[in-house]
Amino acid sequence: SQICQQLNIPIHSQAYDQTAIVTNITVDQSHQNTA
């Protein structure tokens, strides 16, 4: 946030050394409203 930076509000941050790969995927059966 640029606003937090301008107001000098401390932000605590931690990198996870992980990346999210995001896409949509089609399957051969109904999902039955399950995640």
PDB file of all heavy atoms in Angstrom:
ATOM      1  N   SER A   1       0.812  -1.214   0.000  1.00  0.00           N
ATOM      2  CA  SER A   1       0.000   0.000   0.000  1.00  0.00           C
ATOM      3  C   SER A   1       0.849   1.269   0.000  1.00  0.00           C
ATOM      4  O   SER A   1       1.677   1.482   0.888  1.00  0.00           O
ATOM      5  CB  SER A   1      -0.914  -0.006   1.234  1.00  0.00           C
ATOM      6  OG  SER A   1      -1.474   1.262   1.460  1.00  0.00           O
ATOM      7  N   GLN A   2       0.611   2.109  -0.990  1.00  0.00           N
ATOM      8  CA  GLN A   2       1.300   3.391  -1.048  1.00  0.00           C
ATOM      9  C   GLN A   2       0.827   4.316   0.073  1.00  0.00           C
ATOM     10  O   GLN A   2       1.597   5.135   0.577  1.00  0.00           O
ATOM     11  CB  GLN A   2       1.050   4.056  -2.410  1.00  0.00           C
ATOM     12  CG  GLN A   2       1.647   3.296  -3.592  1.00  0.00           C
ATOM     13  CD  GLN A   2       3.152   3.193  -3.495  1.00  0.00           C
ATOM     14  OE1 GLN A   2       3.843   4.206  -3.312  1.00  0.00           O
ATOM     15  NE2 GLN A   2       3.679   1.984  -3.603  1.00  0.00           N
ATOM     16  N   ILE A   3      -0.432   4.176   0.461  1.00  0.00           N
ATOM     17  CA  ILE A   3      -0.950   5.018   1.544  1.00  0.00           C
ATOM     18  C   ILE A   3      -0.249   4.680   2.850  1.00  0.00           C
ATOM     19  O   ILE A   3       0.165   5.565   3.614  1.00  0.00           O
ATOM     20  CB  ILE A   3      -2.471   4.843   1.687  1.00  0.00           C
ATOM     21  CG1 ILE A   3      -3.156   5.207   0.367  1.00  0.00           C
ATOM     22  CG2 ILE A   3      -3.000   5.706   2.824  1.00  0.00           C
ATOM     23  CD1 ILE A   3      -2.839   6.584  -0.149  1.00  0.00           C
ATOM     24  N   CYS A   4      -0.092   3.375   3.140  1.00  0.00           N
ATOM     25  CA  CYS A   4       0.614   2.984   4.363  1.00  0.00           C
ATOM     26  C   CYS A   4       2.050   3.496   4.350  1.00  0.00           C
ATOM     27  O   CYS A   4       2.578   3.927   5.382  1.00  0.00           O
ATOM     28  CB  CYS A   4       0.601   1.465   4.510  1.00  0.00           C
ATOM     29  SG  CYS A   4      -1.016   0.791   4.969  1.00  0.00           S
ATOM     30  N   GLN A   5       2.686   3.460   3.193  1.00  0.00           N
ATOM     31  CA  GLN A   5       4.054   3.965   3.099  1.00  0.00           C
ATOM     32  C   GLN A   5       4.103   5.463   3.355  1.00  0.00           C
ATOM     33  O   GLN A   5       4.980   5.952   4.083  1.00  0.00           O
ATOM     34  CB  GLN A   5       4.632   3.638   1.724  1.00  0.00           C
ATOM     35  CG  GLN A   5       4.860   2.145   1.494  1.00  0.00           C
ATOM     36  CD  GLN A   5       5.392   1.835   0.113  1.00  0.00           C
ATOM     37  OE1 GLN A   5       6.076   2.662  -0.495  1.00  0.00           O
ATOM     38  NE2 GLN A   5       5.081   0.653  -0.397  1.00  0.00           N
ATOM     39  N   GLN A   6       3.162   6.205   2.771  1.00  0.00           N
ATOM     40  CA  GLN A   6       3.162   7.654   2.971  1.00  0.00           C
ATOM     41  C   GLN A   6       2.877   8.030   4.418  1.00  0.00           C
ATOM     42  O   GLN A   6       3.386   9.037   4.917  1.00  0.00           O
ATOM     43  CB  GLN A   6       2.120   8.301   2.053  1.00  0.00           C
ATOM     44  CG  GLN A   6       2.492   8.261   0.574  1.00  0.00           C
ATOM     45  CD  GLN A   6       1.531   9.072  -0.277  1.00  0.00           C
ATOM     46  OE1 GLN A   6       1.113  10.158   0.115  1.00  0.00           O
ATOM     47  NE2 GLN A   6       1.199   8.552  -1.445  1.00  0.00           N
ATOM     48  N   LEU A   7       2.084   7.206   5.108  1.00  0.00           N
ATOM     49  CA  LEU A   7       1.737   7.494   6.497  1.00  0.00           C
ATOM     50  C   LEU A   7       2.691   6.827   7.485  1.00  0.00           C
ATOM     51  O   LEU A   7       2.490   6.895   8.702  1.00  0.00           O
ATOM     52  CB  LEU A   7       0.307   7.033   6.779  1.00  0.00           C
ATOM     53  CG  LEU A   7      -0.794   7.800   6.035  1.00  0.00           C
ATOM     54  CD1 LEU A   7      -2.153   7.169   6.319  1.00  0.00           C
ATOM     55  CD2 LEU A   7      -0.797   9.272   6.417  1.00  0.00           C
ATOM     56  N   ASN A   8       3.732   6.165   6.960  1.00  0.00           N
ATOM     57  CA  ASN A   8       4.748   5.496   7.786  1.00  0.00           C
ATOM     58  C   ASN A   8       4.143   4.461   8.731  1.00  0.00           C
ATOM     59  O   ASN A   8       4.545   4.339   9.901  1.00  0.00           O
ATOM     60  CB  ASN A   8       5.552   6.537   8.590  1.00  0.00           C
ATOM     61  CG  ASN A   8       6.363   7.452   7.688  1.00  0.00           C
ATOM     62  OD1 ASN A   8       7.016   6.998   6.758  1.00  0.00           O
ATOM     63  ND2 ASN A   8       6.300   8.749   7.954  1.00  0.00           N
ATOM     64  N   ILE A   9       3.173   3.719   8.230  1.00  0.00           N
ATOM     65  CA  ILE A   9       2.553   2.651   9.013  1.00  0.00           C
ATOM     66  C   ILE A   9       3.381   1.384   8.819  1.00  0.00           C
ATOM     67  O   ILE A   9       3.553   0.918   7.692  1.00  0.00           O
ATOM     68  CB  ILE A   9       1.099   2.419   8.572  1.00  0.00           C
ATOM     69  CG1 ILE A   9       0.271   3.676   8.837  1.00  0.00           C
ATOM     70  CG2 ILE A   9       0.501   1.198   9.284  1.00  0.00           C
ATOM     71  CD1 ILE A   9      -1.109   3.636   8.248  1.00  0.00           C
ATOM     72  N   PRO A  10       3.927   0.808   9.886  1.00  0.00           N
ATOM     73  CA  PRO A  10       4.779  -0.371   9.738  1.00  0.00           C
ATOM     74  C   PRO A  10       4.013  -1.556   9.166  1.00  0.00           C
ATOM     75  O   PRO A  10       2.890  -1.861   9.590  1.00  0.00           O
ATOM     76  CB  PRO A  10       5.237  -0.661  11.174  1.00  0.00           C
ATOM     77  CG  PRO A  10       5.036   0.620  11.916  1.00  0.00           C
ATOM     78  CD  PRO A  10       3.839   1.270  11.287  1.00  0.00           C
ATOM     79  N   ILE A  11       4.633  -2.228   8.187  1.00  0.00           N
ATOM     80  CA  ILE A  11       4.066  -3.428   7.578  1.00  0.00           C
ATOM     81  C   ILE A  11       5.028  -4.581   7.829  1.00  0.00           C
ATOM     82  O   ILE A  11       6.213  -4.502   7.500  1.00  0.00           O
ATOM     83  CB  ILE A  11       3.861  -3.249   6.059  1.00  0.00           C
ATOM     84  CG1 ILE A  11       2.941  -2.055   5.765  1.00  0.00           C
ATOM     85  CG2 ILE A  11       3.305  -4.535   5.446  1.00  0.00           C
ATOM     86  CD1 ILE A  11       1.526  -2.226   6.243  1.00  0.00           C
ATOM     87  N   HIS A  12       4.518  -5.647   8.425  1.00  0.00           N
ATOM     88  CA  HIS A  12       5.320  -6.841   8.652  1.00  0.00           C
ATOM     89  C   HIS A  12       5.115  -7.786   7.469  1.00  0.00           C
ATOM     90  O   HIS A  12       3.980  -8.059   7.085  1.00  0.00           O
ATOM     91  CB  HIS A  12       4.906  -7.523   9.956  1.00  0.00           C
ATOM     92  CG  HIS A  12       5.050  -6.645  11.158  1.00  0.00           C
ATOM     93  ND1 HIS A  12       6.243  -6.487  11.830  1.00  0.00           N
ATOM     94  CD2 HIS A  12       4.148  -5.856  11.795  1.00  0.00           C
ATOM     95  CE1 HIS A  12       6.075  -5.651  12.843  1.00  0.00           C
ATOM     96  NE2 HIS A  12       4.811  -5.250  12.841  1.00  0.00           N
ATOM     97  N   SER A  13       6.206  -8.278   6.909  1.00  0.00           N
ATOM     98  CA  SER A  13       6.074  -9.135   5.734  1.00  0.00           C
ATOM     99  C   SER A  13       7.020 -10.320   5.824  1.00  0.00           C
ATOM    100  O   SER A  13       8.070 -10.258   6.480  1.00  0.00           O
ATOM    101  CB  SER A  13       6.350  -8.339   4.451  1.00  0.00           C
ATOM    102  OG  SER A  13       7.656  -7.804   4.468  1.00  0.00           O
ATOM    103  N   GLN A  14       6.625 -11.389   5.163  1.00  0.00           N
ATOM    104  CA  GLN A  14       7.397 -12.629   5.163  1.00  0.00           C
ATOM    105  C   GLN A  14       7.161 -13.348   3.842  1.00  0.00           C
ATOM    106  O   GLN A  14       6.021 -13.667   3.492  1.00  0.00           O
ATOM    107  CB  GLN A  14       6.964 -13.524   6.327  1.00  0.00           C
ATOM    108  CG  GLN A  14       7.506 -14.937   6.287  1.00  0.00           C
ATOM    109  CD  GLN A  14       6.839 -15.828   7.301  1.00  0.00           C
ATOM    110  OE1 GLN A  14       6.422 -15.369   8.362  1.00  0.00           O
ATOM    111  NE2 GLN A  14       6.725 -17.114   6.998  1.00  0.00           N
ATOM    112  N   ALA A  15       8.221 -13.571   3.082  1.00  0.00           N
ATOM    113  CA  ALA A  15       8.104 -14.323   1.830  1.00  0.00           C
ATOM    114  C   ALA A  15       8.026 -15.810   2.147  1.00  0.00           C
ATOM    115  O   ALA A  15       8.705 -16.303   3.055  1.00  0.00           O
ATOM    116  CB  ALA A  15       9.294 -14.034   0.922  1.00  0.00           C
ATOM    117  N   TYR A  16       7.189 -16.530   1.404  1.00  0.00           N
ATOM    118  CA  TYR A  16       7.021 -17.958   1.644  1.00  0.00           C
ATOM    119  C   TYR A  16       7.940 -18.828   0.790  1.00  0.00           C
ATOM    120  O   TYR A  16       7.941 -20.039   0.941  1.00  0.00           O
ATOM    121  CB  TYR A  16       5.575 -18.365   1.377  1.00  0.00           C
ATOM    122  CG  TYR A  16       4.635 -18.019   2.501  1.00  0.00           C
ATOM    123  CD1 TYR A  16       3.537 -17.179   2.279  1.00  0.00           C
ATOM    124  CD2 TYR A  16       4.817 -18.529   3.776  1.00  0.00           C
ATOM    125  CE1 TYR A  16       2.657 -16.869   3.303  1.00  0.00           C
ATOM    126  CE2 TYR A  16       3.946 -18.212   4.806  1.00  0.00           C
ATOM    127  CZ  TYR A  16       2.869 -17.386   4.563  1.00  0.00           C
ATOM    128  OH  TYR A  16       2.007 -17.070   5.587  1.00  0.00           O
ATOM    129  N   ASP A  17       8.688 -18.232  -0.134  1.00  0.00           N
ATOM    130  CA  ASP A  17       9.491 -19.017  -1.072  1.00  0.00           C
ATOM    131  C   ASP A  17       8.600 -19.991  -1.846  1.00  0.00           C
ATOM    132  O   ASP A  17       9.004 -21.096  -2.175  1.00  0.00           O
ATOM    133  CB  ASP A  17      10.621 -19.772  -0.355  1.00  0.00           C
ATOM    134  CG  ASP A  17      11.667 -20.312  -1.332  1.00  0.00           C
ATOM    135  OD1 ASP A  17      11.871 -19.674  -2.384  1.00  0.00           O
ATOM    136  OD2 ASP A  17      12.263 -21.370  -1.053  1.00  0.00           O
ATOM    137  N   GLN A  18       7.363 -19.572  -2.074  1.00  0.00           N
ATOM    138  CA  GLN A  18       6.404 -20.377  -2.807  1.00  0.00           C
ATOM    139  C   GLN A  18       5.713 -19.513  -3.858  1.00  0.00           C
ATOM    140  O   GLN A  18       5.592 -18.298  -3.698  1.00  0.00           O
ATOM    141  CB  GLN A  18       5.337 -20.959  -1.871  1.00  0.00           C
ATOM    142  CG  GLN A  18       5.857 -21.967  -0.865  1.00  0.00           C
ATOM    143  CD  GLN A  18       4.747 -22.459   0.059  1.00  0.00           C
ATOM    144  OE1 GLN A  18       3.768 -21.757   0.309  1.00  0.00           O
ATOM    145  NE2 GLN A  18       4.897 -23.668   0.572  1.00  0.00           N
ATOM    146  N   THR A  19       5.252 -20.167  -4.910  1.00  0.00           N
ATOM    147  CA  THR A  19       4.513 -19.501  -5.976  1.00  0.00           C
ATOM    148  C   THR A  19       3.221 -20.261  -6.222  1.00  0.00           C
ATOM    149  O   THR A  19       3.206 -21.492  -6.206  1.00  0.00           O
ATOM    150  CB  THR A  19       5.341 -19.454  -7.271  1.00  0.00           C
ATOM    151  OG1 THR A  19       6.490 -18.627  -7.062  1.00  0.00           O
ATOM    152  CG2 THR A  19       4.535 -18.893  -8.433  1.00  0.00           C
ATOM    153  N   ALA A  20       2.142 -19.532  -6.429  1.00  0.00           N
ATOM    154  CA  ALA A  20       0.858 -20.156  -6.765  1.00  0.00           C
ATOM    155  C   ALA A  20       0.717 -20.206  -8.275  1.00  0.00           C
ATOM    156  O   ALA A  20       0.818 -19.184  -8.958  1.00  0.00           O
ATOM    157  CB  ALA A  20      -0.286 -19.371  -6.153  1.00  0.00           C
ATOM    158  N   ILE A  21       0.501 -21.393  -8.796  1.00  0.00           N
ATOM    159  CA  ILE A  21       0.174 -21.572 -10.210  1.00  0.00           C
ATOM    160  C   ILE A  21      -1.341 -21.705 -10.293  1.00  0.00           C
ATOM    161  O   ILE A  21      -1.938 -22.588  -9.665  1.00  0.00           O
ATOM    162  CB  ILE A  21       0.880 -22.805 -10.795  1.00  0.00           C
ATOM    163  CG1 ILE A  21       2.390 -22.563 -10.789  1.00  0.00           C
ATOM    164  CG2 ILE A  21       0.382 -23.085 -12.209  1.00  0.00           C
ATOM    165  CD1 ILE A  21       3.207 -23.728 -11.279  1.00  0.00           C
ATOM    166  N   VAL A  22      -1.967 -20.827 -11.056  1.00  0.00           N
ATOM    167  CA  VAL A  22      -3.422 -20.718 -11.088  1.00  0.00           C
ATOM    168  C   VAL A  22      -3.925 -20.955 -12.500  1.00  0.00           C
ATOM    169  O   VAL A  22      -3.392 -20.393 -13.471  1.00  0.00           O
ATOM    170  CB  VAL A  22      -3.867 -19.328 -10.592  1.00  0.00           C
ATOM    171  CG1 VAL A  22      -5.387 -19.202 -10.624  1.00  0.00           C
ATOM    172  CG2 VAL A  22      -3.336 -19.062  -9.185  1.00  0.00           C
ATOM    173  N   THR A  23      -4.950 -21.774 -12.617  1.00  0.00           N
ATOM    174  CA  THR A  23      -5.589 -22.017 -13.909  1.00  0.00           C
ATOM    175  C   THR A  23      -6.955 -22.626 -13.659  1.00  0.00           C
ATOM    176  O   THR A  23      -7.332 -22.915 -12.523  1.00  0.00           O
ATOM    177  CB  THR A  23      -4.742 -22.955 -14.791  1.00  0.00           C
ATOM    178  OG1 THR A  23      -5.332 -23.053 -16.088  1.00  0.00           O
ATOM    179  CG2 THR A  23      -4.635 -24.342 -14.189  1.00  0.00           C
ATOM    180  N   ASN A  24      -7.722 -22.821 -14.733  1.00  0.00           N
ATOM    181  CA  ASN A  24      -8.953 -23.600 -14.665  1.00  0.00           C
ATOM    182  C   ASN A  24      -8.688 -24.965 -15.291  1.00  0.00           C
ATOM    183  O   ASN A  24      -7.947 -25.076 -16.278  1.00  0.00           O
ATOM    184  CB  ASN A  24     -10.090 -22.907 -15.411  1.00  0.00           C
ATOM    185  CG  ASN A  24     -10.618 -21.716 -14.644  1.00  0.00           C
ATOM    186  OD1 ASN A  24     -10.507 -21.646 -13.424  1.00  0.00           O
ATOM    187  ND2 ASN A  24     -11.197 -20.758 -15.354  1.00  0.00           N
ATOM    188  N   ILE A  25      -9.294 -25.989 -14.729  1.00  0.00           N
ATOM    189  CA  ILE A  25      -9.036 -27.344 -15.179  1.00  0.00           C
ATOM    190  C   ILE A  25     -10.365 -28.086 -15.343  1.00  0.00           C
ATOM    191  O   ILE A  25     -11.268 -27.950 -14.511  1.00  0.00           O
ATOM    192  CB  ILE A  25      -8.089 -28.062 -14.185  1.00  0.00           C
ATOM    193  CG1 ILE A  25      -7.446 -29.278 -14.818  1.00  0.00           C
ATOM    194  CG2 ILE A  25      -8.775 -28.397 -12.885  1.00  0.00           C
ATOM    195  CD1 ILE A  25      -6.191 -29.727 -14.081  1.00  0.00           C
ATOM    196  N   THR A  26     -10.496 -28.821 -16.444  1.00  0.00           N
ATOM    197  CA  THR A  26     -11.707 -29.579 -16.737  1.00  0.00           C
ATOM    198  C   THR A  26     -11.492 -31.042 -16.390  1.00  0.00           C
ATOM    199  O   THR A  26     -10.428 -31.603 -16.656  1.00  0.00           O
ATOM    200  CB  THR A  26     -12.079 -29.452 -18.224  1.00  0.00           C
ATOM    201  OG1 THR A  26     -12.255 -28.073 -18.547  1.00  0.00           O
ATOM    202  CG2 THR A  26     -13.381 -30.199 -18.533  1.00  0.00           C
ATOM    203  N   VAL A  27     -12.508 -31.653 -15.771  1.00  0.00           N
ATOM    204  CA  VAL A  27     -12.442 -33.061 -15.377  1.00  0.00           C
ATOM    205  C   VAL A  27     -13.548 -33.834 -16.092  1.00  0.00           C
ATOM    206  O   VAL A  27     -14.411 -33.251 -16.757  1.00  0.00           O
ATOM    207  CB  VAL A  27     -12.557 -33.222 -13.849  1.00  0.00           C
ATOM    208  CG1 VAL A  27     -11.401 -32.535 -13.147  1.00  0.00           C
ATOM    209  CG2 VAL A  27     -13.883 -32.645 -13.337  1.00  0.00           C
ATOM    210  N   ASP A  28     -13.520 -35.154 -15.936  1.00  0.00           N
ATOM    211  CA  ASP A  28     -14.476 -35.991 -16.676  1.00  0.00           C
ATOM    212  C   ASP A  28     -15.703 -36.376 -15.860  1.00  0.00           C
ATOM    213  O   ASP A  28     -16.467 -37.248 -16.274  1.00  0.00           O
ATOM    214  CB  ASP A  28     -13.771 -37.252 -17.200  1.00  0.00           C
ATOM    215  CG  ASP A  28     -13.301 -38.180 -16.075  1.00  0.00           C
ATOM    216  OD1 ASP A  28     -13.358 -37.760 -14.898  1.00  0.00           O
ATOM    217  OD2 ASP A  28     -12.879 -39.306 -16.382  1.00  0.00           O
ATOM    218  N   GLN A  29     -15.912 -35.730 -14.714  1.00  0.00           N
ATOM    219  CA  GLN A  29     -17.096 -36.026 -13.922  1.00  0.00           C
ATOM    220  C   GLN A  29     -17.559 -34.775 -13.189  1.00  0.00           C
ATOM    221  O   GLN A  29     -16.813 -33.805 -13.057  1.00  0.00           O
ATOM    222  CB  GLN A  29     -16.802 -37.146 -12.919  1.00  0.00           C
ATOM    223  CG  GLN A  29     -15.765 -36.806 -11.866  1.00  0.00           C
ATOM    224  CD  GLN A  29     -15.388 -38.000 -10.997  1.00  0.00           C
ATOM    225  OE1 GLN A  29     -15.231 -39.121 -11.487  1.00  0.00           O
ATOM    226  NE2 GLN A  29     -15.258 -37.770  -9.703  1.00  0.00           N
ATOM    227  N   SER A  30     -18.785 -34.787 -12.719  1.00  0.00           N
ATOM    228  CA  SER A  30     -19.341 -33.633 -12.010  1.00  0.00           C
ATOM    229  C   SER A  30     -18.605 -33.399 -10.690  1.00  0.00           C
ATOM    230  O   SER A  30     -18.206 -34.341 -10.008  1.00  0.00           O
ATOM    231  CB  SER A  30     -20.827 -33.860 -11.731  1.00  0.00           C
ATOM    232  OG  SER A  30     -21.351 -32.826 -10.930  1.00  0.00           O
ATOM    233  N   HIS A  31     -18.446 -32.139 -10.324  1.00  0.00           N
ATOM    234  CA  HIS A  31     -17.741 -31.831  -9.072  1.00  0.00           C
ATOM    235  C   HIS A  31     -18.595 -32.072  -7.833  1.00  0.00           C
ATOM    236  O   HIS A  31     -18.074 -32.126  -6.720  1.00  0.00           O
ATOM    237  CB  HIS A  31     -17.236 -30.387  -9.078  1.00  0.00           C
ATOM    238  CG  HIS A  31     -18.309 -29.349  -9.281  1.00  0.00           C
ATOM    239  ND1 HIS A  31     -19.370 -29.189  -8.423  1.00  0.00           N
ATOM    240  CD2 HIS A  31     -18.469 -28.408 -10.247  1.00  0.00           C
ATOM    241  CE1 HIS A  31     -20.133 -28.189  -8.840  1.00  0.00           C
ATOM    242  NE2 HIS A  31     -19.623 -27.705  -9.947  1.00  0.00           N
ATOM    243  N   GLN A  32     -19.926 -32.189  -7.997  1.00  0.00           N
ATOM    244  CA  GLN A  32     -20.845 -32.446  -6.883  1.00  0.00           C
ATOM    245  C   GLN A  32     -20.672 -31.430  -5.747  1.00  0.00           C
ATOM    246  O   GLN A  32     -20.782 -31.766  -4.560  1.00  0.00           O
ATOM    247  CB  GLN A  32     -20.666 -33.881  -6.371  1.00  0.00           C
ATOM    248  CG  GLN A  32     -20.977 -34.917  -7.425  1.00  0.00           C
ATOM    249  CD  GLN A  32     -20.838 -36.354  -6.932  1.00  0.00           C
ATOM    250  OE1 GLN A  32     -20.684 -36.601  -5.737  1.00  0.00           O
ATOM    251  NE2 GLN A  32     -20.889 -37.300  -7.850  1.00  0.00           N
ATOM    252  N   ASN A  33     -20.392 -30.193  -6.126  1.00  0.00           N
ATOM    253  CA  ASN A  33     -20.264 -29.084  -5.169  1.00  0.00           C
ATOM    254  C   ASN A  33     -19.231 -29.351  -4.080  1.00  0.00           C
ATOM    255  O   ASN A  33     -19.388 -28.945  -2.925  1.00  0.00           O
ATOM    256  CB  ASN A  33     -21.617 -28.766  -4.528  1.00  0.00           C
ATOM    257  CG  ASN A  33     -22.637 -28.292  -5.529  1.00  0.00           C
ATOM    258  OD1 ASN A  33     -23.545 -29.041  -5.904  1.00  0.00           O
ATOM    259  ND2 ASN A  33     -22.497 -27.065  -6.002  1.00  0.00           N
ATOM    260  N   THR A  34     -18.153 -30.033  -4.481  1.00  0.00           N
ATOM    261  CA  THR A  34     -17.080 -30.353  -3.544  1.00  0.00           C
ATOM    262  C   THR A  34     -15.831 -29.555  -3.881  1.00  0.00           C
ATOM    263  O   THR A  34     -15.422 -29.477  -5.037  1.00  0.00           O
ATOM    264  CB  THR A  34     -16.752 -31.856  -3.589  1.00  0.00           C
ATOM    265  OG1 THR A  34     -17.919 -32.602  -3.227  1.00  0.00           O
ATOM    266  CG2 THR A  34     -15.629 -32.202  -2.618  1.00  0.00           C
ATOM    267  N   ALA A  35     -15.224 -28.948  -2.862  1.00  0.00           N
ATOM    268  CA  ALA A  35     -13.914 -28.309  -2.986  1.00  0.00           C
ATOM    269  C   ALA A  35     -12.889 -29.210  -2.327  1.00  0.00           C
ATOM    270  O   ALA A  35     -13.189 -29.902  -1.348  1.00  0.00           O
ATOM    271  CB  ALA A  35     -13.914 -26.935  -2.328  1.00  0.00           C
TER     272      ALA A  35
END
